[in-house]
């Protein structure tokens, strides 16, 4: 996926963060979701260049992959198939923060907001 600088960011099969969430990194990049599979991409807004950040297709789930980017750190959170994950925007590495109990589930609309920003 590549977006030319003079094109709109929203293109077919791409979606932005949920309205209450943040999709913009502090360094001028944005995170967008791939609507055709469970993947997130980083887009450099000035150049339009993009790269896949993480593919979570291995976690079976029918829901769209929502996410929230931290305001002051290169991190995002997302929930999929009962897994709450912290993902680095620098290298795409993920860390499991929480796994729902066998008969429980997690809401897909997660947030990572500093207490002093509330």
Foldseek 3Di string as FASTA:
>chain_A
DFDALVDDPDDPQKAAADVVAAQADPPQWGWIAGNVAAWIKIARNNGRDIDTLDGPRVQDDPDHWHKHAEHHAQWIWFFGNQWIWIAGNVRSDIDTPGGDPPPDHDDGRDYDYDPVVD
